[in-house]
Amino acid sequence: MKKFAIASAITLVLVINAFAHGNMEHILGTVTAVSDHSVTVKTTAGDTKTVEIATGTKVMKGDAAGTLKDVHVGDRVAIHAGNHDGKLQAEEIKIGAAPAAK
């Protein structure tokens, strides 16, 4: 009975998390190119994705608001993007910390 309760709780959390993000795609990776209209990212899975920038795209640098000018090649980012007419369009770009020195 205890295993069933734990499995049910885990399933509920996963389902709620999936619905909370709606139809948004999460793109995690390293910026390989930036233009006035798009950001290209090499994802953690090794794919390359280009995400369009809209007027309302929110950029966050840590806890502070930023702009597209704060996004640079080599930055690690998490992008929340919606699919608009078959193209990814960024709703929010979060700029991560620089990778640790080796």
PDB file of N, CA and C in Angstrom:
ATOM      1  N   MET A   1       0.813  -1.190   0.000  1.00  0.00           N
ATOM      2  CA  MET A   1       0.000   0.000   0.000  1.00  0.00           C
ATOM      3  C   MET A   1       0.865   1.267   0.000  1.00  0.00           C
ATOM      4  N   LYS A   2       1.955   1.227   0.767  1.00  0.00           N
ATOM      5  CA  LYS A   2       2.836   2.386   0.849  1.00  0.00           C
ATOM      6  C   LYS A   2       3.501   2.661  -0.504  1.00  0.00           C
ATOM      7  N   LYS A   3       3.918   1.593  -1.205  1.00  0.00           N
ATOM      8  CA  LYS A   3       4.537   1.753  -2.528  1.00  0.00           C
ATOM      9  C   LYS A   3       3.545   2.358  -3.520  1.00  0.00           C
ATOM     10  N   PHE A   4       2.287   1.933  -3.433  1.00  0.00           N
ATOM     11  CA  PHE A   4       1.259   2.468  -4.318  1.00  0.00           C
ATOM     12  C   PHE A   4       1.061   3.963  -4.061  1.00  0.00           C
ATOM     13  N   ALA A   5       1.044   4.362  -2.802  1.00  0.00           N
ATOM     14  CA  ALA A   5       0.860   5.771  -2.450  1.00  0.00           C
ATOM     15  C   ALA A   5       2.027   6.611  -2.965  1.00  0.00           C
ATOM     16  N   ILE A   6       3.247   6.101  -2.813  1.00  0.00           N
ATOM     17  CA  ILE A   6       4.427   6.826  -3.300  1.00  0.00           C
ATOM     18  C   ILE A   6       4.397   6.945  -4.819  1.00  0.00           C
ATOM     19  N   ALA A   7       4.083   5.830  -5.502  1.00  0.00           N
ATOM     20  CA  ALA A   7       4.014   5.845  -6.964  1.00  0.00           C
ATOM     21  C   ALA A   7       2.933   6.806  -7.444  1.00  0.00           C
ATOM     22  N   SER A   8       1.795   6.836  -6.757  1.00  0.00           N
ATOM     23  CA  SER A   8       0.710   7.755  -7.126  1.00  0.00           C
ATOM     24  C   SER A   8       1.131   9.203  -6.944  1.00  0.00           C
ATOM     25  N   ALA A   9       1.825   9.492  -5.860  1.00  0.00           N
ATOM     26  CA  ALA A   9       2.280  10.862  -5.600  1.00  0.00           C
ATOM     27  C   ALA A   9       3.274  11.316  -6.663  1.00  0.00           C
ATOM     28  N   ILE A  10       4.204  10.454  -7.031  1.00  0.00           N
ATOM     29  CA  ILE A  10       5.190  10.790  -8.054  1.00  0.00           C
ATOM     30  C   ILE A  10       4.500  11.039  -9.393  1.00  0.00           C
ATOM     31  N   THR A  11       3.565  10.179  -9.740  1.00  0.00           N
ATOM     32  CA  THR A  11       2.830  10.331 -10.995  1.00  0.00           C
ATOM     33  C   THR A  11       2.055  11.651 -11.013  1.00  0.00           C
ATOM     34  N   LEU A  12       1.428  11.992  -9.910  1.00  0.00           N
ATOM     35  CA  LEU A  12       0.675  13.233  -9.820  1.00  0.00           C
ATOM     36  C   LEU A  12       1.578  14.446 -10.011  1.00  0.00           C
ATOM     37  N   VAL A  13       2.740  14.436  -9.389  1.00  0.00           N
ATOM     38  CA  VAL A  13       3.683  15.550  -9.533  1.00  0.00           C
ATOM     39  C   VAL A  13       4.124  15.689 -10.990  1.00  0.00           C
ATOM     40  N   LEU A  14       4.433  14.582 -11.643  1.00  0.00           N
ATOM     41  CA  LEU A  14       4.874  14.631 -13.043  1.00  0.00           C
ATOM     42  C   LEU A  14       3.771  15.147 -13.960  1.00  0.00           C
ATOM     43  N   VAL A  15       2.548  14.717 -13.734  1.00  0.00           N
ATOM     44  CA  VAL A  15       1.426  15.162 -14.571  1.00  0.00           C
ATOM     45  C   VAL A  15       1.174  16.656 -14.372  1.00  0.00           C
ATOM     46  N   ILE A  16       1.185  17.110 -13.121  1.00  0.00           N
ATOM     47  CA  ILE A  16       0.971  18.537 -12.846  1.00  0.00           C
ATOM     48  C   ILE A  16       2.075  19.367 -13.492  1.00  0.00           C
ATOM     49  N   ASN A  17       3.315  18.896 -13.394  1.00  0.00           N
ATOM     50  CA  ASN A  17       4.442  19.609 -13.990  1.00  0.00           C
ATOM     51  C   ASN A  17       4.283  19.705 -15.508  1.00  0.00           C
ATOM     52  N   ALA A  18       3.851  18.642 -16.141  1.00  0.00           N
ATOM     53  CA  ALA A  18       3.673  18.645 -17.602  1.00  0.00           C
ATOM     54  C   ALA A  18       2.602  19.643 -18.018  1.00  0.00           C
ATOM     55  N   PHE A  19       1.481  19.685 -17.299  1.00  0.00           N
ATOM     56  CA  PHE A  19       0.420  20.618 -17.645  1.00  0.00           C
ATOM     57  C   PHE A  19       0.779  22.059 -17.309  1.00  0.00           C
ATOM     58  N   ALA A  20       1.604  22.264 -16.310  1.00  0.00           N
ATOM     59  CA  ALA A  20       1.991  23.617 -15.919  1.00  0.00           C
ATOM     60  C   ALA A  20       2.761  24.317 -17.024  1.00  0.00           C
ATOM     61  N   HIS A  21       3.483  23.560 -17.834  1.00  0.00           N
ATOM     62  CA  HIS A  21       4.287  24.148 -18.898  1.00  0.00           C
ATOM     63  C   HIS A  21       3.520  24.251 -20.206  1.00  0.00           C
ATOM     64  N   GLY A  22       2.299  23.724 -20.254  1.00  0.00           N
ATOM     65  CA  GLY A  22       1.475  23.832 -21.451  1.00  0.00           C
ATOM     66  C   GLY A  22       2.191  23.281 -22.664  1.00  0.00           C
ATOM     67  N   ASN A  23       2.146  24.022 -23.754  1.00  0.00           N
ATOM     68  CA  ASN A  23       2.785  23.558 -24.983  1.00  0.00           C
ATOM     69  C   ASN A  23       4.183  24.159 -25.156  1.00  0.00           C
ATOM     70  N   MET A  24       4.773  24.625 -24.067  1.00  0.00           N
ATOM     71  CA  MET A  24       6.094  25.240 -24.118  1.00  0.00           C
ATOM     72  C   MET A  24       7.177  24.173 -24.260  1.00  0.00           C
ATOM     73  N   GLU A  25       8.193  24.502 -25.026  1.00  0.00           N
ATOM     74  CA  GLU A  25       9.360  23.628 -25.146  1.00  0.00           C
ATOM     75  C   GLU A  25      10.498  24.269 -24.363  1.00  0.00           C
ATOM     76  N   HIS A  26      11.224  23.441 -23.628  1.00  0.00           N
ATOM     77  CA  HIS A  26      12.361  23.925 -22.855  1.00  0.00           C
ATOM     78  C   HIS A  26      13.628  23.566 -23.602  1.00  0.00           C
ATOM     79  N   ILE A  27      14.423  24.561 -23.884  1.00  0.00           N
ATOM     80  CA  ILE A  27      15.669  24.357 -24.621  1.00  0.00           C
ATOM     81  C   ILE A  27      16.807  24.741 -23.694  1.00  0.00           C
ATOM     82  N   LEU A  28      17.637  23.762 -23.369  1.00  0.00           N
ATOM     83  CA  LEU A  28      18.784  23.976 -22.493  1.00  0.00           C
ATOM     84  C   LEU A  28      20.045  23.756 -23.294  1.00  0.00           C
ATOM     85  N   GLY A  29      20.993  24.670 -23.191  1.00  0.00           N
ATOM     86  CA  GLY A  29      22.238  24.478 -23.910  1.00  0.00           C
ATOM     87  C   GLY A  29      23.096  25.721 -23.933  1.00  0.00           C
ATOM     88  N   THR A  30      23.996  25.735 -24.909  1.00  0.00           N
ATOM     89  CA  THR A  30      24.980  26.804 -25.047  1.00  0.00           C
ATOM     90  C   THR A  30      24.700  27.600 -26.318  1.00  0.00           C
ATOM     91  N   VAL A  31      24.721  28.911 -26.199  1.00  0.00           N
ATOM     92  CA  VAL A  31      24.455  29.799 -27.338  1.00  0.00           C
ATOM     93  C   VAL A  31      25.599  29.681 -28.344  1.00  0.00           C
ATOM     94  N   THR A  32      25.242  29.453 -29.609  1.00  0.00           N
ATOM     95  CA  THR A  32      26.247  29.388 -30.682  1.00  0.00           C
ATOM     96  C   THR A  32      26.155  30.575 -31.625  1.00  0.00           C
ATOM     97  N   ALA A  33      25.007  31.282 -31.617  1.00  0.00           N
ATOM     98  CA  ALA A  33      24.842  32.476 -32.462  1.00  0.00           C
ATOM     99  C   ALA A  33      23.715  33.332 -31.898  1.00  0.00           C
ATOM    100  N   VAL A  34      23.869  34.650 -32.056  1.00  0.00           N
ATOM    101  CA  VAL A  34      22.847  35.602 -31.618  1.00  0.00           C
ATOM    102  C   VAL A  34      22.678  36.653 -32.710  1.00  0.00           C
ATOM    103  N   SER A  35      21.430  36.945 -33.057  1.00  0.00           N
ATOM    104  CA  SER A  35      21.150  38.051 -33.971  1.00  0.00           C
ATOM    105  C   SER A  35      20.055  38.910 -33.337  1.00  0.00           C
ATOM    106  N   ASP A  36      19.645  39.949 -34.029  1.00  0.00           N
ATOM    107  CA  ASP A  36      18.574  40.809 -33.514  1.00  0.00           C
ATOM    108  C   ASP A  36      17.232  40.079 -33.458  1.00  0.00           C
ATOM    109  N   HIS A  37      17.115  38.959 -34.185  1.00  0.00           N
ATOM    110  CA  HIS A  37      15.824  38.287 -34.310  1.00  0.00           C
ATOM    111  C   HIS A  37      15.819  36.836 -33.841  1.00  0.00           C
ATOM    112  N   SER A  38      16.994  36.297 -33.479  1.00  0.00           N
ATOM    113  CA  SER A  38      17.018  34.892 -33.075  1.00  0.00           C
ATOM    114  C   SER A  38      18.254  34.556 -32.238  1.00  0.00           C
ATOM    115  N   VAL A  39      18.133  33.418 -31.541  1.00  0.00           N
ATOM    116  CA  VAL A  39      19.237  32.853 -30.776  1.00  0.00           C
ATOM    117  C   VAL A  39      19.355  31.399 -31.203  1.00  0.00           C
ATOM    118  N   THR A  40      20.566  30.961 -31.501  1.00  0.00           N
ATOM    119  CA  THR A  40      20.804  29.569 -31.860  1.00  0.00           C
ATOM    120  C   THR A  40      21.535  28.910 -30.703  1.00  0.00           C
ATOM    121  N   VAL A  41      21.045  27.715 -30.327  1.00  0.00           N
ATOM    122  CA  VAL A  41      21.561  27.015 -29.157  1.00  0.00           C
ATOM    123  C   VAL A  41      21.940  25.594 -29.529  1.00  0.00           C
ATOM    124  N   LYS A  42      23.118  25.158 -29.070  1.00  0.00           N
ATOM    125  CA  LYS A  42      23.479  23.744 -29.144  1.00  0.00           C
ATOM    126  C   LYS A  42      22.965  23.148 -27.847  1.00  0.00           C
ATOM    127  N   THR A  43      21.975  22.271 -27.946  1.00  0.00           N
ATOM    128  CA  THR A  43      21.312  21.742 -26.761  1.00  0.00           C
ATOM    129  C   THR A  43      22.191  20.734 -26.034  1.00  0.00           C
ATOM    130  N   THR A  44      21.790  20.433 -24.819  1.00  0.00           N
ATOM    131  CA  THR A  44      22.520  19.432 -24.034  1.00  0.00           C
ATOM    132  C   THR A  44      22.445  18.064 -24.679  1.00  0.00           C
ATOM    133  N   ALA A  45      21.466  17.854 -25.568  1.00  0.00           N
ATOM    134  CA  ALA A  45      21.343  16.590 -26.294  1.00  0.00           C
ATOM    135  C   ALA A  45      22.191  16.582 -27.565  1.00  0.00           C
ATOM    136  N   GLY A  46      22.829  17.727 -27.886  1.00  0.00           N
ATOM    137  CA  GLY A  46      23.687  17.810 -29.064  1.00  0.00           C
ATOM    138  C   GLY A  46      23.006  18.345 -30.302  1.00  0.00           C
ATOM    139  N   ASP A  47      21.717  18.640 -30.231  1.00  0.00           N
ATOM    140  CA  ASP A  47      20.987  19.214 -31.364  1.00  0.00           C
ATOM    141  C   ASP A  47      21.242  20.713 -31.431  1.00  0.00           C
ATOM    142  N   THR A  48      20.985  21.297 -32.594  1.00  0.00           N
ATOM    143  CA  THR A  48      21.058  22.748 -32.739  1.00  0.00           C
ATOM    144  C   THR A  48      19.657  23.257 -33.004  1.00  0.00           C
ATOM    145  N   LYS A  49      19.225  24.247 -32.205  1.00  0.00           N
ATOM    146  CA  LYS A  49      17.887  24.813 -32.366  1.00  0.00           C
ATOM    147  C   LYS A  49      18.003  26.326 -32.468  1.00  0.00           C
ATOM    148  N   THR A  50      17.259  26.893 -33.408  1.00  0.00           N
ATOM    149  CA  THR A  50      17.189  28.340 -33.560  1.00  0.00           C
ATOM    150  C   THR A  50      15.825  28.790 -33.062  1.00  0.00           C
ATOM    151  N   VAL A  51      15.842  29.771 -32.176  1.00  0.00           N
ATOM    152  CA  VAL A  51      14.623  30.270 -31.552  1.00  0.00           C
ATOM    153  C   VAL A  51      14.472  31.746 -31.908  1.00  0.00           C
ATOM    154  N   GLU A  52      13.313  32.098 -32.438  1.00  0.00           N
ATOM    155  CA  GLU A  52      13.049  33.493 -32.800  1.00  0.00           C
ATOM    156  C   GLU A  52      12.795  34.327 -31.549  1.00  0.00           C
ATOM    157  N   ILE A  53      13.146  35.595 -31.636  1.00  0.00           N
ATOM    158  CA  ILE A  53      12.922  36.545 -30.550  1.00  0.00           C
ATOM    159  C   ILE A  53      11.728  37.412 -30.936  1.00  0.00           C
ATOM    160  N   ALA A  54      10.786  37.565 -30.007  1.00  0.00           N
ATOM    161  CA  ALA A  54       9.608  38.404 -30.238  1.00  0.00           C
ATOM    162  C   ALA A  54       9.734  39.685 -29.415  1.00  0.00           C
ATOM    163  N   THR A  55       8.879  40.627 -29.693  1.00  0.00           N
ATOM    164  CA  THR A  55       8.888  41.888 -28.950  1.00  0.00           C
ATOM    165  C   THR A  55       8.711  41.650 -27.455  1.00  0.00           C
ATOM    166  N   GLY A  56       7.892  40.682 -27.087  1.00  0.00           N
ATOM    167  CA  GLY A  56       7.611  40.431 -25.676  1.00  0.00           C
ATOM    168  C   GLY A  56       8.526  39.427 -25.009  1.00  0.00           C
ATOM    169  N   THR A  57       9.578  38.987 -25.690  1.00  0.00           N
ATOM    170  CA  THR A  57      10.476  38.002 -25.090  1.00  0.00           C
ATOM    171  C   THR A  57      11.146  38.595 -23.854  1.00  0.00           C
ATOM    172  N   LYS A  58      11.051  37.863 -22.752  1.00  0.00           N
ATOM    173  CA  LYS A  58      11.634  38.298 -21.481  1.00  0.00           C
ATOM    174  C   LYS A  58      13.021  37.670 -21.344  1.00  0.00           C
ATOM    175  N   VAL A  59      14.016  38.477 -20.982  1.00  0.00           N
ATOM    176  CA  VAL A  59      15.377  37.983 -20.772  1.00  0.00           C
ATOM    177  C   VAL A  59      15.721  38.182 -19.297  1.00  0.00           C
ATOM    178  N   MET A  60      16.210  37.124 -18.670  1.00  0.00           N
ATOM    179  CA  MET A  60      16.597  37.191 -17.259  1.00  0.00           C
ATOM    180  C   MET A  60      18.068  36.820 -17.122  1.00  0.00           C
ATOM    181  N   LYS A  61      18.792  37.629 -16.387  1.00  0.00           N
ATOM    182  CA  LYS A  61      20.204  37.383 -16.097  1.00  0.00           C
ATOM    183  C   LYS A  61      20.290  37.229 -14.585  1.00  0.00           C
ATOM    184  N   GLY A  62      20.243  35.977 -14.126  1.00  0.00           N
ATOM    185  CA  GLY A  62      20.107  35.730 -12.700  1.00  0.00           C
ATOM    186  C   GLY A  62      18.699  36.139 -12.290  1.00  0.00           C
ATOM    187  N   ASP A  63      18.596  36.941 -11.241  1.00  0.00           N
ATOM    188  CA  ASP A  63      17.293  37.424 -10.787  1.00  0.00           C
ATOM    189  C   ASP A  63      16.928  38.773 -11.388  1.00  0.00           C
ATOM    190  N   ALA A  64      17.832  39.345 -12.164  1.00  0.00           N
ATOM    191  CA  ALA A  64      17.610  40.668 -12.734  1.00  0.00           C
ATOM    192  C   ALA A  64      17.126  40.575 -14.183  1.00  0.00           C
ATOM    193  N   ALA A  65      16.339  41.565 -14.568  1.00  0.00           N
ATOM    194  CA  ALA A  65      15.894  41.641 -15.956  1.00  0.00           C
ATOM    195  C   ALA A  65      17.082  42.010 -16.839  1.00  0.00           C
ATOM    196  N   GLY A  66      17.099  41.449 -18.024  1.00  0.00           N
ATOM    197  CA  GLY A  66      18.164  41.752 -18.974  1.00  0.00           C
ATOM    198  C   GLY A  66      17.570  42.070 -20.329  1.00  0.00           C
ATOM    199  N   THR A  67      18.441  42.152 -21.318  1.00  0.00           N
ATOM    200  CA  THR A  67      18.017  42.383 -22.693  1.00  0.00           C
ATOM    201  C   THR A  67      18.737  41.379 -23.585  1.00  0.00           C
ATOM    202  N   LEU A  68      18.356  41.353 -24.834  1.00  0.00           N
ATOM    203  CA  LEU A  68      19.007  40.451 -25.780  1.00  0.00           C
ATOM    204  C   LEU A  68      20.503  40.753 -25.897  1.00  0.00           C
ATOM    205  N   LYS A  69      20.903  41.998 -25.616  1.00  0.00           N
ATOM    206  CA  LYS A  69      22.318  42.368 -25.673  1.00  0.00           C
ATOM    207  C   LYS A  69      23.135  41.668 -24.587  1.00  0.00           C
ATOM    208  N   ASP A  70      22.463  41.117 -23.569  1.00  0.00           N
ATOM    209  CA  ASP A  70      23.148  40.371 -22.503  1.00  0.00           C
ATOM    210  C   ASP A  70      23.429  38.920 -22.898  1.00  0.00           C
ATOM    211  N   VAL A  71      22.854  38.466 -24.008  1.00  0.00           N
ATOM    212  CA  VAL A  71      23.035  37.089 -24.475  1.00  0.00           C
ATOM    213  C   VAL A  71      24.217  37.055 -25.428  1.00  0.00           C
ATOM    214  N   HIS A  72      25.211  36.209 -25.105  1.00  0.00           N
ATOM    215  CA  HIS A  72      26.435  36.140 -25.906  1.00  0.00           C
ATOM    216  C   HIS A  72      26.745  34.694 -26.285  1.00  0.00           C
ATOM    217  N   VAL A  73      27.466  34.525 -27.374  1.00  0.00           N
ATOM    218  CA  VAL A  73      27.934  33.198 -27.777  1.00  0.00           C
ATOM    219  C   VAL A  73      28.741  32.616 -26.619  1.00  0.00           C
ATOM    220  N   GLY A  74      28.453  31.370 -26.287  1.00  0.00           N
ATOM    221  CA  GLY A  74      29.131  30.695 -25.185  1.00  0.00           C
ATOM    222  C   GLY A  74      28.339  30.693 -23.894  1.00  0.00           C
ATOM    223  N   ASP A  75      27.315  31.565 -23.797  1.00  0.00           N
ATOM    224  CA  ASP A  75      26.473  31.583 -22.595  1.00  0.00           C
ATOM    225  C   ASP A  75      25.642  30.317 -22.522  1.00  0.00           C
ATOM    226  N   ARG A  76      25.439  29.844 -21.298  1.00  0.00           N
ATOM    227  CA  ARG A  76      24.492  28.746 -21.082  1.00  0.00           C
ATOM    228  C   ARG A  76      23.131  29.378 -20.857  1.00  0.00           C
ATOM    229  N   VAL A  77      22.108  28.823 -21.512  1.00  0.00           N
ATOM    230  CA  VAL A  77      20.769  29.392 -21.422  1.00  0.00           C
ATOM    231  C   VAL A  77      19.718  28.301 -21.228  1.00  0.00           C
ATOM    232  N   ALA A  78      18.614  28.729 -20.658  1.00  0.00           N
ATOM    233  CA  ALA A  78      17.383  27.935 -20.616  1.00  0.00           C
ATOM    234  C   ALA A  78      16.336  28.800 -21.290  1.00  0.00           C
ATOM    235  N   ILE A  79      15.776  28.295 -22.375  1.00  0.00           N
ATOM    236  CA  ILE A  79      14.788  29.060 -23.132  1.00  0.00           C
ATOM    237  C   ILE A  79      13.450  28.342 -23.065  1.00  0.00           C
ATOM    238  N   HIS A  80      12.409  29.092 -22.720  1.00  0.00           N
ATOM    239  CA  HIS A  80      11.045  28.582 -22.749  1.00  0.00           C
ATOM    240  C   HIS A  80      10.432  29.137 -24.023  1.00  0.00           C
ATOM    241  N   ALA A  81      10.095  28.250 -24.948  1.00  0.00           N
ATOM    242  CA  ALA A  81       9.632  28.697 -26.257  1.00  0.00           C
ATOM    243  C   ALA A  81       8.326  28.015 -26.637  1.00  0.00           C
ATOM    244  N   GLY A  82       7.495  28.778 -27.315  1.00  0.00           N
ATOM    245  CA  GLY A  82       6.259  28.244 -27.858  1.00  0.00           C
ATOM    246  C   GLY A  82       6.416  28.002 -29.343  1.00  0.00           C
ATOM    247  N   ASN A  83       5.562  27.157 -29.883  1.00  0.00           N
ATOM    248  CA  ASN A  83       5.588  26.862 -31.303  1.00  0.00           C
ATOM    249  C   ASN A  83       4.560  27.755 -31.985  1.00  0.00           C
ATOM    250  N   HIS A  84       5.035  28.688 -32.807  1.00  0.00           N
ATOM    251  CA  HIS A  84       4.169  29.612 -33.520  1.00  0.00           C
ATOM    252  C   HIS A  84       4.376  29.426 -35.017  1.00  0.00           C
ATOM    253  N   ASP A  85       3.363  28.915 -35.671  1.00  0.00           N
ATOM    254  CA  ASP A  85       3.418  28.672 -37.117  1.00  0.00           C
ATOM    255  C   ASP A  85       4.605  27.790 -37.501  1.00  0.00           C
ATOM    256  N   GLY A  86       4.873  26.777 -36.677  1.00  0.00           N
ATOM    257  CA  GLY A  86       5.940  25.836 -36.985  1.00  0.00           C
ATOM    258  C   GLY A  86       7.336  26.302 -36.612  1.00  0.00           C
ATOM    259  N   LYS A  87       7.447  27.480 -36.001  1.00  0.00           N
ATOM    260  CA  LYS A  87       8.750  28.004 -35.593  1.00  0.00           C
ATOM    261  C   LYS A  87       8.761  28.207 -34.087  1.00  0.00           C
ATOM    262  N   LEU A  88       9.926  27.981 -33.480  1.00  0.00           N
ATOM    263  CA  LEU A  88      10.063  28.222 -32.057  1.00  0.00           C
ATOM    264  C   LEU A  88      10.198  29.710 -31.803  1.00  0.00           C
ATOM    265  N   GLN A  89       9.429  30.218 -30.840  1.00  0.00           N
ATOM    266  CA  GLN A  89       9.490  31.637 -30.491  1.00  0.00           C
ATOM    267  C   GLN A  89       9.682  31.736 -28.975  1.00  0.00           C
ATOM    268  N   ALA A  90      10.745  32.422 -28.567  1.00  0.00           N
ATOM    269  CA  ALA A  90      11.094  32.519 -27.157  1.00  0.00           C
ATOM    270  C   ALA A  90      10.093  33.359 -26.391  1.00  0.00           C
ATOM    271  N   GLU A  91       9.610  32.815 -25.291  1.00  0.00           N
ATOM    272  CA  GLU A  91       8.803  33.562 -24.337  1.00  0.00           C
ATOM    273  C   GLU A  91       9.733  34.133 -23.268  1.00  0.00           C
ATOM    274  N   GLU A  92      10.730  33.309 -22.875  1.00  0.00           N
ATOM    275  CA  GLU A  92      11.668  33.725 -21.840  1.00  0.00           C
ATOM    276  C   GLU A  92      13.031  33.077 -22.089  1.00  0.00           C
ATOM    277  N   ILE A  93      14.082  33.864 -21.888  1.00  0.00           N
ATOM    278  CA  ILE A  93      15.454  33.374 -21.972  1.00  0.00           C
ATOM    279  C   ILE A  93      16.102  33.626 -20.624  1.00  0.00           C
ATOM    280  N   LYS A  94      16.587  32.568 -19.996  1.00  0.00           N
ATOM    281  CA  LYS A  94      17.312  32.703 -18.730  1.00  0.00           C
ATOM    282  C   LYS A  94      18.778  32.427 -18.996  1.00  0.00           C
ATOM    283  N   ILE A  95      19.610  33.405 -18.696  1.00  0.00           N
ATOM    284  CA  ILE A  95      21.044  33.269 -18.910  1.00  0.00           C
ATOM    285  C   ILE A  95      21.641  32.656 -17.642  1.00  0.00           C
ATOM    286  N   GLY A  96      22.366  31.545 -17.822  1.00  0.00           N
ATOM    287  CA  GLY A  96      22.957  30.858 -16.680  1.00  0.00           C
ATOM    288  C   GLY A  96      24.340  31.344 -16.360  1.00  0.00           C
ATOM    289  N   ALA A  97      24.880  30.773 -15.311  1.00  0.00           N
ATOM    290  CA  ALA A  97      26.258  31.102 -14.903  1.00  0.00           C
ATOM    291  C   ALA A  97      27.239  30.529 -15.910  1.00  0.00           C
ATOM    292  N   ALA A  98      28.367  31.152 -16.010  1.00  0.00           N
ATOM    293  CA  ALA A  98      29.424  30.663 -16.908  1.00  0.00           C
ATOM    294  C   ALA A  98      29.890  29.298 -16.426  1.00  0.00           C
ATOM    295  N   PRO A  99      30.297  28.409 -17.334  1.00  0.00           N
ATOM    296  CA  PRO A  99      30.793  27.107 -16.910  1.00  0.00           C
ATOM    297  C   PRO A  99      32.022  27.245 -16.035  1.00  0.00           C
ATOM    298  N   ALA A 100      32.170  26.315 -15.128  1.00  0.00           N
ATOM    299  CA  ALA A 100      33.330  26.337 -14.224  1.00  0.00           C
ATOM    300  C   ALA A 100      34.609  26.134 -15.005  1.00  0.00           C
ATOM    301  N   ALA A 101      35.670  26.819 -14.603  1.00  0.00           N
ATOM    302  CA  ALA A 101      36.977  26.667 -15.251  1.00  0.00           C
ATOM    303  C   ALA A 101      37.513  25.275 -14.979  1.00  0.00           C
ATOM    304  N   LYS A 102      38.194  24.721 -15.971  1.00  0.00           N
ATOM    305  CA  LYS A 102      38.744  23.363 -15.812  1.00  0.00           C
ATOM    306  C   LYS A 102      40.161  23.404 -15.319  1.00  0.00           C
TER     307      LYS A 102
END
